[in-house]
Amino acid sequence: MKLITPRRVLVALVMAASLALAACGSTAPSSTSSSGAGAAGNASCPNTAPASRSPANVVVHGANAAQPIHVSVGQILELQLPFGRSYALFPSGSNTILTELQPSDFPDASVQSCIFRFKATQSGTTALVFISRPVCSPKQQCPQNIQRLAIPVQVQG
C-alpha cells in the first residue's frame, strides 16, 4: 500500500492546475500562421533567441526525445521541440543533475523548433518532463489535446 505524502498531494495539485490552465486556450498573437511561425518569432517559444550561443555537445530533436539521452558531466544538451505547440518544463525541485541554461524556450527558425538547453552538472539519471498544448490563433477553435513528454537523461561522470 502506498502512502499519500504531502509531496504527492502537491505534485497532483500542481499537475491538475497546469492542465486546467492549459485547457483555457491560447493567447497566441494574431501574426501566428497555421504552422505556428509568427513574423517576430514564434508563438510556441515566448523568449528571444540569444545573439549567439555556444555549440551543444548533444542535440536531440523532438521526434527522438523519447529515447534515453546520454551526456557527460560538463556537456551541454540541447532539446529542439517542434513549432506548433507551447511547451512548459515541469519543475523538478530535486533535479541537480541538469541545470537549465538561460534564455530557454526560444525559437530557432532554421530547425523549426523551440530550443531548451541544459548543462550536465553531476552524474545520475533524471527525466525532463514537458507539458505541451497546441498553439492556435485567437479566432481559431483549438483542440484541447494536452501532452506530456518525459525525456530520460543519463549523465555519466
N, C-alpha and C. Protein backbone atom coordinates (compact mmCIF):
# COMPACT_ATOMS: atom_id res chain seq x y z
N MET A 1 0.84 -1.17 0.00
CA MET A 1 0.00 0.00 0.00
C MET A 1 0.88 1.24 0.00
N LYS A 2 0.63 2.17 -0.91
CA LYS A 2 1.41 3.40 -0.99
C LYS A 2 0.84 4.45 -0.05
N LEU A 3 1.73 5.15 0.61
CA LEU A 3 1.30 6.24 1.48
C LEU A 3 1.10 7.50 0.68
N ILE A 4 0.12 8.27 1.06
CA ILE A 4 -0.10 9.56 0.41
C ILE A 4 0.68 10.59 1.21
N THR A 5 1.77 11.05 0.62
CA THR A 5 2.63 12.02 1.30
C THR A 5 2.24 13.43 0.86
N PRO A 6 2.61 14.44 1.65
CA PRO A 6 2.32 15.82 1.24
C PRO A 6 2.93 16.16 -0.12
N ARG A 7 4.09 15.60 -0.42
CA ARG A 7 4.72 15.88 -1.71
C ARG A 7 3.88 15.34 -2.86
N ARG A 8 3.34 14.13 -2.72
CA ARG A 8 2.50 13.55 -3.77
C ARG A 8 1.23 14.37 -3.97
N VAL A 9 0.67 14.85 -2.88
CA VAL A 9 -0.53 15.69 -2.97
C VAL A 9 -0.19 16.98 -3.70
N LEU A 10 0.95 17.60 -3.36
CA LEU A 10 1.36 18.84 -4.01
C LEU A 10 1.60 18.63 -5.50
N VAL A 11 2.28 17.54 -5.86
CA VAL A 11 2.53 17.25 -7.27
C VAL A 11 1.21 17.06 -8.02
N ALA A 12 0.28 16.33 -7.43
CA ALA A 12 -1.02 16.11 -8.07
C ALA A 12 -1.77 17.43 -8.25
N LEU A 13 -1.74 18.29 -7.25
CA LEU A 13 -2.42 19.59 -7.36
C LEU A 13 -1.79 20.46 -8.43
N VAL A 14 -0.45 20.49 -8.49
CA VAL A 14 0.24 21.30 -9.50
C VAL A 14 -0.08 20.79 -10.89
N MET A 15 -0.07 19.48 -11.08
CA MET A 15 -0.39 18.92 -12.41
C MET A 15 -1.83 19.24 -12.80
N ALA A 16 -2.76 19.11 -11.85
CA ALA A 16 -4.16 19.40 -12.15
C ALA A 16 -4.33 20.87 -12.51
N ALA A 17 -3.67 21.76 -11.78
CA ALA A 17 -3.76 23.19 -12.08
C ALA A 17 -3.15 23.50 -13.44
N SER A 18 -2.02 22.86 -13.75
CA SER A 18 -1.37 23.07 -15.05
C SER A 18 -2.29 22.67 -16.19
N LEU A 19 -2.89 21.51 -16.04
CA LEU A 19 -3.78 21.03 -17.10
C LEU A 19 -5.03 21.91 -17.23
N ALA A 20 -5.55 22.36 -16.11
CA ALA A 20 -6.74 23.22 -16.15
C ALA A 20 -6.42 24.54 -16.82
N LEU A 21 -5.28 25.13 -16.49
CA LEU A 21 -4.91 26.40 -17.12
C LEU A 21 -4.59 26.22 -18.59
N ALA A 22 -3.92 25.13 -18.93
CA ALA A 22 -3.57 24.90 -20.33
C ALA A 22 -4.82 24.69 -21.17
N ALA A 23 -5.89 24.18 -20.59
CA ALA A 23 -7.12 23.92 -21.33
C ALA A 23 -7.90 25.20 -21.61
N CYS A 24 -7.47 26.31 -21.06
CA CYS A 24 -8.20 27.57 -21.25
C CYS A 24 -8.04 28.12 -22.66
N GLY A 25 -7.13 27.61 -23.44
CA GLY A 25 -6.93 28.11 -24.80
C GLY A 25 -5.70 28.96 -24.88
N SER A 26 -5.35 29.33 -26.09
CA SER A 26 -4.11 30.06 -26.33
C SER A 26 -4.39 31.53 -26.50
N THR A 27 -3.40 32.31 -26.16
CA THR A 27 -3.47 33.75 -26.41
C THR A 27 -2.38 34.12 -27.40
N ALA A 28 -2.20 33.25 -28.39
CA ALA A 28 -1.16 33.49 -29.39
C ALA A 28 -1.46 34.75 -30.18
N PRO A 29 -0.40 35.51 -30.55
CA PRO A 29 -0.63 36.72 -31.31
C PRO A 29 -1.23 36.43 -32.67
N SER A 30 -1.97 37.39 -33.21
CA SER A 30 -2.66 37.17 -34.47
C SER A 30 -1.71 37.02 -35.64
N SER A 31 -0.41 37.37 -35.46
CA SER A 31 0.55 37.22 -36.55
C SER A 31 0.99 35.77 -36.70
N THR A 32 0.52 34.88 -35.86
CA THR A 32 0.90 33.48 -35.94
C THR A 32 0.19 32.82 -37.12
N SER A 33 0.97 32.13 -37.93
CA SER A 33 0.39 31.44 -39.08
C SER A 33 -0.04 30.04 -38.65
N SER A 34 -0.61 29.30 -39.58
CA SER A 34 -1.09 27.96 -39.24
C SER A 34 0.06 27.03 -38.88
N SER A 35 1.27 27.33 -39.32
CA SER A 35 2.40 26.49 -38.96
C SER A 35 2.95 26.85 -37.59
N GLY A 36 2.50 27.95 -37.03
CA GLY A 36 2.97 28.37 -35.73
C GLY A 36 4.05 29.42 -35.80
N ALA A 37 4.59 29.72 -36.97
CA ALA A 37 5.67 30.70 -37.07
C ALA A 37 5.10 32.08 -37.27
N GLY A 38 5.45 32.99 -36.41
CA GLY A 38 4.98 34.36 -36.49
C GLY A 38 6.03 35.26 -37.12
N ALA A 39 5.66 36.47 -37.43
CA ALA A 39 6.59 37.41 -38.06
C ALA A 39 7.73 37.77 -37.13
N ALA A 40 7.49 37.88 -35.84
CA ALA A 40 8.52 38.31 -34.91
C ALA A 40 9.12 37.14 -34.14
N GLY A 41 8.97 35.94 -34.61
CA GLY A 41 9.49 34.78 -33.91
C GLY A 41 8.49 33.66 -33.99
N ASN A 42 8.13 33.11 -32.85
CA ASN A 42 7.20 32.00 -32.84
C ASN A 42 6.39 32.04 -31.57
N ALA A 43 5.08 31.89 -31.70
CA ALA A 43 4.19 31.93 -30.54
C ALA A 43 4.42 30.73 -29.63
N SER A 44 4.99 29.66 -30.15
CA SER A 44 5.28 28.48 -29.34
C SER A 44 6.37 28.78 -28.32
N CYS A 45 7.31 29.63 -28.70
CA CYS A 45 8.51 29.89 -27.90
C CYS A 45 8.49 31.36 -27.47
N PRO A 46 8.21 31.65 -26.21
CA PRO A 46 7.99 33.03 -25.79
C PRO A 46 9.24 33.89 -25.64
N ASN A 47 10.42 33.30 -25.55
CA ASN A 47 11.62 34.09 -25.28
C ASN A 47 12.38 34.43 -26.54
N THR A 48 13.21 35.44 -26.45
CA THR A 48 14.02 35.90 -27.57
C THR A 48 15.29 35.07 -27.66
N ALA A 49 15.63 34.69 -28.88
CA ALA A 49 16.84 33.91 -29.09
C ALA A 49 18.07 34.74 -28.76
N PRO A 50 19.09 34.14 -28.16
CA PRO A 50 20.32 34.88 -27.87
C PRO A 50 21.04 35.25 -29.16
N ALA A 51 21.83 36.31 -29.10
CA ALA A 51 22.57 36.75 -30.28
C ALA A 51 23.52 35.65 -30.75
N SER A 52 24.10 34.94 -29.82
CA SER A 52 24.94 33.79 -30.17
C SER A 52 24.86 32.80 -29.02
N ARG A 53 25.18 31.57 -29.32
CA ARG A 53 25.17 30.55 -28.27
C ARG A 53 26.29 29.55 -28.56
N SER A 54 26.85 29.02 -27.50
CA SER A 54 27.91 28.04 -27.67
C SER A 54 27.31 26.76 -28.24
N PRO A 55 28.09 26.04 -29.03
CA PRO A 55 27.55 24.81 -29.61
C PRO A 55 27.24 23.77 -28.53
N ALA A 56 26.18 23.03 -28.75
CA ALA A 56 25.80 21.97 -27.82
C ALA A 56 26.60 20.71 -28.14
N ASN A 57 26.90 19.93 -27.11
CA ASN A 57 27.60 18.67 -27.30
C ASN A 57 26.64 17.58 -27.79
N VAL A 58 25.38 17.64 -27.31
CA VAL A 58 24.36 16.67 -27.69
C VAL A 58 23.11 17.44 -28.09
N VAL A 59 22.62 17.17 -29.30
CA VAL A 59 21.42 17.84 -29.82
C VAL A 59 20.38 16.75 -30.10
N VAL A 60 19.18 16.95 -29.55
CA VAL A 60 18.10 15.98 -29.73
C VAL A 60 16.89 16.70 -30.28
N HIS A 61 16.37 16.23 -31.41
CA HIS A 61 15.14 16.80 -31.98
C HIS A 61 13.96 16.08 -31.35
N GLY A 62 12.85 16.79 -31.22
CA GLY A 62 11.66 16.28 -30.53
C GLY A 62 11.22 14.90 -30.96
N ALA A 63 11.38 14.56 -32.24
CA ALA A 63 10.94 13.25 -32.72
C ALA A 63 11.70 12.12 -32.05
N ASN A 64 12.92 12.40 -31.60
CA ASN A 64 13.76 11.37 -30.97
C ASN A 64 13.83 11.52 -29.46
N ALA A 65 13.04 12.42 -28.90
CA ALA A 65 13.17 12.76 -27.49
C ALA A 65 12.72 11.67 -26.54
N ALA A 66 12.00 10.67 -26.99
CA ALA A 66 11.55 9.61 -26.09
C ALA A 66 12.65 8.60 -25.81
N GLN A 67 13.69 8.59 -26.62
CA GLN A 67 14.82 7.68 -26.42
C GLN A 67 15.68 8.22 -25.27
N PRO A 68 16.28 7.35 -24.47
CA PRO A 68 17.18 7.83 -23.41
C PRO A 68 18.35 8.62 -24.02
N ILE A 69 18.68 9.72 -23.37
CA ILE A 69 19.76 10.59 -23.82
C ILE A 69 20.95 10.39 -22.88
N HIS A 70 22.13 10.26 -23.46
CA HIS A 70 23.34 10.07 -22.67
C HIS A 70 24.27 11.26 -22.88
N VAL A 71 24.65 11.91 -21.78
CA VAL A 71 25.61 13.02 -21.83
C VAL A 71 26.61 12.82 -20.70
N SER A 72 27.71 13.57 -20.77
CA SER A 72 28.73 13.52 -19.72
C SER A 72 28.69 14.81 -18.92
N VAL A 73 29.18 14.75 -17.69
CA VAL A 73 29.24 15.94 -16.84
C VAL A 73 30.01 17.03 -17.58
N GLY A 74 29.46 18.25 -17.56
CA GLY A 74 30.08 19.39 -18.22
C GLY A 74 29.58 19.64 -19.63
N GLN A 75 28.90 18.67 -20.23
CA GLN A 75 28.40 18.83 -21.59
C GLN A 75 27.09 19.61 -21.60
N ILE A 76 26.80 20.19 -22.77
CA ILE A 76 25.55 20.93 -22.97
C ILE A 76 24.63 20.08 -23.83
N LEU A 77 23.39 19.91 -23.33
CA LEU A 77 22.33 19.18 -24.02
C LEU A 77 21.36 20.20 -24.58
N GLU A 78 21.05 20.09 -25.86
CA GLU A 78 20.06 20.98 -26.50
C GLU A 78 18.89 20.15 -26.98
N LEU A 79 17.69 20.52 -26.53
CA LEU A 79 16.46 19.88 -26.99
C LEU A 79 15.78 20.81 -27.98
N GLN A 80 15.39 20.28 -29.13
CA GLN A 80 14.69 21.03 -30.16
C GLN A 80 13.28 20.47 -30.24
N LEU A 81 12.32 21.20 -29.68
CA LEU A 81 10.92 20.75 -29.69
C LEU A 81 10.17 21.51 -30.78
N PRO A 82 9.45 20.82 -31.66
CA PRO A 82 8.90 21.41 -32.87
C PRO A 82 7.88 22.53 -32.64
N PHE A 83 7.92 23.52 -33.53
CA PHE A 83 6.95 24.62 -33.52
C PHE A 83 5.53 24.06 -33.59
N GLY A 84 4.56 24.87 -33.19
CA GLY A 84 3.15 24.50 -33.30
C GLY A 84 2.54 24.11 -31.96
N ARG A 85 3.39 23.94 -30.95
CA ARG A 85 2.91 23.62 -29.61
C ARG A 85 3.62 24.56 -28.63
N SER A 86 2.96 24.81 -27.52
CA SER A 86 3.55 25.61 -26.44
C SER A 86 4.05 24.63 -25.39
N TYR A 87 5.31 24.79 -24.97
CA TYR A 87 5.94 23.84 -24.04
C TYR A 87 6.18 24.48 -22.69
N ALA A 88 5.95 23.71 -21.64
CA ALA A 88 6.26 24.16 -20.29
C ALA A 88 7.07 23.05 -19.63
N LEU A 89 8.25 23.40 -19.15
CA LEU A 89 9.08 22.44 -18.44
C LEU A 89 8.50 22.27 -17.05
N PHE A 90 8.12 21.05 -16.72
CA PHE A 90 7.52 20.77 -15.42
C PHE A 90 8.63 20.84 -14.38
N PRO A 91 8.47 21.65 -13.35
CA PRO A 91 9.56 21.83 -12.39
C PRO A 91 9.86 20.56 -11.61
N SER A 92 11.13 20.36 -11.38
CA SER A 92 11.58 19.24 -10.56
C SER A 92 12.56 19.80 -9.55
N GLY A 93 12.09 20.03 -8.36
CA GLY A 93 12.91 20.65 -7.33
C GLY A 93 14.14 19.84 -6.95
N SER A 94 14.11 18.54 -7.22
CA SER A 94 15.24 17.70 -6.83
C SER A 94 16.21 17.47 -7.97
N ASN A 95 16.02 18.09 -9.13
CA ASN A 95 16.90 17.86 -10.27
C ASN A 95 18.15 18.72 -10.14
N THR A 96 19.22 18.12 -9.63
CA THR A 96 20.51 18.81 -9.56
C THR A 96 21.47 18.23 -10.59
N ILE A 97 20.99 17.29 -11.38
CA ILE A 97 21.82 16.63 -12.38
C ILE A 97 21.99 17.53 -13.61
N LEU A 98 20.93 18.26 -13.98
CA LEU A 98 20.95 19.17 -15.13
C LEU A 98 20.58 20.57 -14.67
N THR A 99 21.24 21.57 -15.22
CA THR A 99 20.91 22.96 -14.95
C THR A 99 20.40 23.57 -16.24
N GLU A 100 19.20 24.16 -16.19
CA GLU A 100 18.63 24.80 -17.38
C GLU A 100 19.39 26.09 -17.66
N LEU A 101 19.86 26.24 -18.90
CA LEU A 101 20.59 27.43 -19.30
C LEU A 101 19.61 28.49 -19.80
N GLN A 102 19.91 29.74 -19.54
CA GLN A 102 19.04 30.85 -19.96
C GLN A 102 19.69 31.63 -21.09
N PRO A 103 18.94 32.18 -22.03
CA PRO A 103 17.49 32.05 -22.11
C PRO A 103 17.11 30.64 -22.53
N SER A 104 15.90 30.27 -22.20
CA SER A 104 15.39 28.96 -22.56
C SER A 104 14.06 29.16 -23.26
N ASP A 105 13.64 28.16 -23.99
CA ASP A 105 12.38 28.20 -24.74
C ASP A 105 12.36 29.36 -25.72
N PHE A 106 13.39 29.39 -26.58
CA PHE A 106 13.46 30.42 -27.62
C PHE A 106 13.40 29.76 -29.00
N PRO A 107 12.95 30.50 -30.01
CA PRO A 107 12.78 29.90 -31.34
C PRO A 107 14.08 29.83 -32.14
N ASP A 108 14.18 28.81 -32.96
CA ASP A 108 15.25 28.68 -33.94
C ASP A 108 14.58 28.28 -35.25
N ALA A 109 14.39 29.27 -36.13
CA ALA A 109 13.68 29.04 -37.39
C ALA A 109 14.42 28.05 -38.29
N SER A 110 15.74 27.97 -38.16
CA SER A 110 16.50 27.07 -39.04
C SER A 110 16.15 25.60 -38.80
N VAL A 111 15.69 25.26 -37.59
CA VAL A 111 15.29 23.88 -37.30
C VAL A 111 13.80 23.79 -36.96
N GLN A 112 13.06 24.93 -37.11
CA GLN A 112 11.62 24.98 -36.86
C GLN A 112 11.27 24.43 -35.47
N SER A 113 12.02 24.89 -34.47
CA SER A 113 11.86 24.34 -33.13
C SER A 113 12.07 25.38 -32.04
N CYS A 114 11.51 25.08 -30.87
CA CYS A 114 11.79 25.82 -29.65
C CYS A 114 13.00 25.14 -29.01
N ILE A 115 13.94 25.94 -28.54
CA ILE A 115 15.20 25.41 -28.02
C ILE A 115 15.23 25.48 -26.50
N PHE A 116 15.55 24.36 -25.88
CA PHE A 116 15.79 24.27 -24.44
C PHE A 116 17.20 23.72 -24.28
N ARG A 117 18.01 24.40 -23.44
CA ARG A 117 19.40 23.96 -23.26
C ARG A 117 19.68 23.70 -21.78
N PHE A 118 20.47 22.66 -21.53
CA PHE A 118 20.80 22.24 -20.17
C PHE A 118 22.28 21.90 -20.09
N LYS A 119 22.87 22.16 -18.94
CA LYS A 119 24.25 21.76 -18.69
C LYS A 119 24.22 20.61 -17.69
N ALA A 120 24.95 19.54 -18.00
CA ALA A 120 25.05 18.38 -17.10
C ALA A 120 26.02 18.75 -15.98
N THR A 121 25.53 18.76 -14.74
CA THR A 121 26.34 19.21 -13.62
C THR A 121 26.85 18.08 -12.73
N GLN A 122 26.17 16.95 -12.73
CA GLN A 122 26.65 15.81 -11.93
C GLN A 122 26.08 14.53 -12.52
N SER A 123 26.72 13.42 -12.21
CA SER A 123 26.28 12.15 -12.78
C SER A 123 25.01 11.66 -12.10
N GLY A 124 24.23 10.91 -12.86
CA GLY A 124 22.98 10.37 -12.36
C GLY A 124 21.96 10.25 -13.47
N THR A 125 20.75 9.88 -13.10
CA THR A 125 19.66 9.71 -14.05
C THR A 125 18.50 10.60 -13.64
N THR A 126 17.89 11.25 -14.62
CA THR A 126 16.74 12.12 -14.36
C THR A 126 15.82 12.07 -15.57
N ALA A 127 14.73 12.77 -15.50
CA ALA A 127 13.82 12.91 -16.64
C ALA A 127 13.41 14.38 -16.74
N LEU A 128 13.47 14.91 -17.95
CA LEU A 128 12.94 16.24 -18.22
C LEU A 128 11.49 16.05 -18.64
N VAL A 129 10.57 16.67 -17.94
CA VAL A 129 9.15 16.48 -18.22
C VAL A 129 8.56 17.79 -18.73
N PHE A 130 7.98 17.73 -19.91
CA PHE A 130 7.34 18.89 -20.53
C PHE A 130 5.86 18.62 -20.67
N ILE A 131 5.06 19.67 -20.48
CA ILE A 131 3.64 19.64 -20.78
C ILE A 131 3.48 20.53 -22.01
N SER A 132 2.79 20.03 -23.02
CA SER A 132 2.61 20.84 -24.23
C SER A 132 1.15 20.89 -24.64
N ARG A 133 0.83 21.97 -25.34
CA ARG A 133 -0.52 22.14 -25.89
C ARG A 133 -0.39 22.84 -27.23
N PRO A 134 -1.38 22.69 -28.09
CA PRO A 134 -1.31 23.33 -29.40
C PRO A 134 -1.35 24.85 -29.30
N VAL A 135 -0.71 25.51 -30.24
CA VAL A 135 -0.77 26.97 -30.34
C VAL A 135 -1.79 27.28 -31.42
N CYS A 136 -2.80 28.06 -31.07
CA CYS A 136 -3.87 28.40 -32.01
C CYS A 136 -4.05 29.92 -32.03
N SER A 137 -4.52 30.43 -33.15
CA SER A 137 -4.81 31.86 -33.22
C SER A 137 -6.07 32.12 -32.41
N PRO A 138 -6.27 33.38 -31.95
CA PRO A 138 -7.40 33.68 -31.08
C PRO A 138 -8.77 33.34 -31.67
N LYS A 139 -8.95 33.40 -32.98
CA LYS A 139 -10.26 33.15 -33.59
C LYS A 139 -10.42 31.70 -34.06
N GLN A 140 -9.40 30.89 -33.83
CA GLN A 140 -9.42 29.51 -34.28
C GLN A 140 -9.85 28.60 -33.13
N GLN A 141 -10.73 27.64 -33.43
CA GLN A 141 -11.09 26.67 -32.41
C GLN A 141 -9.86 25.79 -32.18
N CYS A 142 -9.50 25.65 -30.92
CA CYS A 142 -8.25 24.99 -30.58
C CYS A 142 -8.51 23.62 -29.97
N PRO A 143 -7.92 22.57 -30.52
CA PRO A 143 -8.09 21.26 -29.90
C PRO A 143 -7.43 21.25 -28.52
N GLN A 144 -8.04 20.59 -27.60
CA GLN A 144 -7.55 20.58 -26.23
C GLN A 144 -6.73 19.33 -25.94
N ASN A 145 -5.82 19.01 -26.83
CA ASN A 145 -5.00 17.82 -26.59
C ASN A 145 -3.68 18.22 -25.93
N ILE A 146 -3.68 18.07 -24.63
CA ILE A 146 -2.51 18.38 -23.82
C ILE A 146 -1.67 17.11 -23.77
N GLN A 147 -0.37 17.27 -23.99
CA GLN A 147 0.50 16.11 -24.00
C GLN A 147 1.60 16.25 -22.95
N ARG A 148 2.02 15.13 -22.45
CA ARG A 148 3.13 15.06 -21.50
C ARG A 148 4.28 14.38 -22.21
N LEU A 149 5.45 14.99 -22.19
CA LEU A 149 6.62 14.43 -22.83
C LEU A 149 7.69 14.26 -21.75
N ALA A 150 8.05 13.03 -21.46
CA ALA A 150 9.10 12.74 -20.47
C ALA A 150 10.34 12.27 -21.23
N ILE A 151 11.44 12.97 -21.02
CA ILE A 151 12.68 12.68 -21.74
C ILE A 151 13.70 12.17 -20.72
N PRO A 152 14.03 10.88 -20.77
CA PRO A 152 15.00 10.34 -19.83
C PRO A 152 16.43 10.78 -20.20
N VAL A 153 17.18 11.19 -19.18
CA VAL A 153 18.55 11.64 -19.41
C VAL A 153 19.47 10.95 -18.40
N GLN A 154 20.56 10.38 -18.92
CA GLN A 154 21.56 9.79 -18.05
C GLN A 154 22.85 10.55 -18.23
N VAL A 155 23.38 11.06 -17.11
CA VAL A 155 24.63 11.82 -17.12
C VAL A 155 25.72 10.94 -16.51
N GLN A 156 26.80 10.82 -17.26
CA GLN A 156 27.93 10.00 -16.80
C GLN A 156 29.07 10.90 -16.37
N GLY A 157 29.74 10.51 -15.30
CA GLY A 157 30.84 11.30 -14.75
C GLY A 157 32.07 11.15 -15.48
